[in-house]
């Protein structure tokens, strides 16, 4: 499954909110520095979709607030 996310960094709480069929907004506490935010995004999405972290892959937008995410399904 492929989803689109919009990321908001430096937030007080971390959460995932579905905004469309395959669109989500992700709030993270981490700064967009040294890949910290991306690591938190992967952890949050893995928990949200009940999959392992290694099943979440950022396909595009590693340095952008808009990202395309691939979630491997069995």
Protein backbone atom coordinates (compact mmCIF):
# COMPACT_ATOMS: atom_id res chain seq x y z
CA UNK A 1 0.00 0.00 0.00
CA UNK A 2 1.25 3.48 -0.85
CA UNK A 3 0.15 6.54 1.12
CA UNK A 4 0.85 10.26 0.99
CA UNK A 5 1.68 12.10 4.20
CA UNK A 6 2.14 15.69 5.25
CA UNK A 7 4.51 16.09 8.18
CA UNK A 8 4.41 18.72 10.90
CA UNK A 9 7.61 18.75 12.96
CA UNK A 10 8.42 20.28 16.37
CA UNK A 11 4.94 19.50 17.75
CA UNK A 12 4.00 18.95 21.38
CA UNK A 13 2.61 15.48 20.70
CA UNK A 14 3.15 12.79 18.08
CA UNK A 15 0.10 11.47 16.24
CA UNK A 16 -1.26 10.23 12.91
CA UNK A 17 -4.54 11.47 11.41
CA UNK A 18 -6.14 10.12 8.25
CA UNK A 19 -7.28 13.01 6.02
CA UNK A 20 -8.29 11.07 2.88
CA UNK A 21 -8.40 7.57 1.39
CA UNK A 22 -4.60 7.26 1.24
CA UNK A 23 -3.65 10.62 2.77
CA UNK A 24 -2.46 11.29 6.31
CA UNK A 25 -1.09 14.12 8.41
CA UNK A 26 1.66 13.13 10.84
CA UNK A 27 2.70 15.29 13.79
CA UNK A 28 6.12 14.54 15.29
CA UNK A 29 8.05 15.98 18.21
CA UNK A 30 11.41 15.59 16.49
CA UNK A 31 13.26 18.29 14.62
CA UNK A 32 13.82 17.84 10.88
CA UNK A 33 17.54 17.41 11.59
CA UNK A 34 19.86 14.44 11.02
CA UNK A 35 16.95 12.21 9.93
CA UNK A 36 15.35 12.35 13.42
CA UNK A 37 11.90 13.29 12.13
CA UNK A 38 11.94 10.54 9.48
CA UNK A 39 12.82 7.93 12.09
CA UNK A 40 9.94 9.10 14.30
CA UNK A 41 7.58 9.06 11.30
CA UNK A 42 8.50 5.45 10.50
CA UNK A 43 7.95 4.42 14.14
CA UNK A 44 4.59 6.19 14.35
CA UNK A 45 3.32 4.74 11.07
CA UNK A 46 4.47 1.23 12.03
CA UNK A 47 2.51 1.50 15.26
CA UNK A 48 -0.52 3.04 13.51
CA UNK A 49 -0.68 0.30 10.85
CA UNK A 50 0.43 -2.51 13.23
CA UNK A 51 3.44 -3.53 11.16
CA UNK A 52 7.17 -3.78 11.85
CA UNK A 53 9.29 -0.67 11.29
CA UNK A 54 11.23 -2.42 8.52
CA UNK A 55 7.98 -2.73 6.53
CA UNK A 56 7.69 1.09 6.24
CA UNK A 57 9.74 2.78 3.52
CA UNK A 58 9.93 6.47 2.59
CA UNK A 59 9.83 6.39 -1.22
CA UNK A 60 9.98 10.14 -1.96
CA UNK A 61 10.31 13.34 0.02
CA UNK A 62 12.99 12.40 2.53
CA UNK A 63 13.82 16.10 3.01
CA UNK A 64 10.32 17.44 2.34
CA UNK A 65 7.23 17.89 4.50
CA UNK A 66 5.26 15.89 1.91
CA UNK A 67 6.28 12.27 1.57
CA UNK A 68 5.23 9.14 -0.28
CA UNK A 69 5.33 6.10 1.99
CA UNK A 70 5.32 2.43 0.99
CA UNK A 71 3.85 0.03 3.54
CA UNK A 72 4.67 -3.58 2.74
CA UNK A 73 1.74 -5.90 3.28
CA UNK A 74 1.89 -9.66 3.51
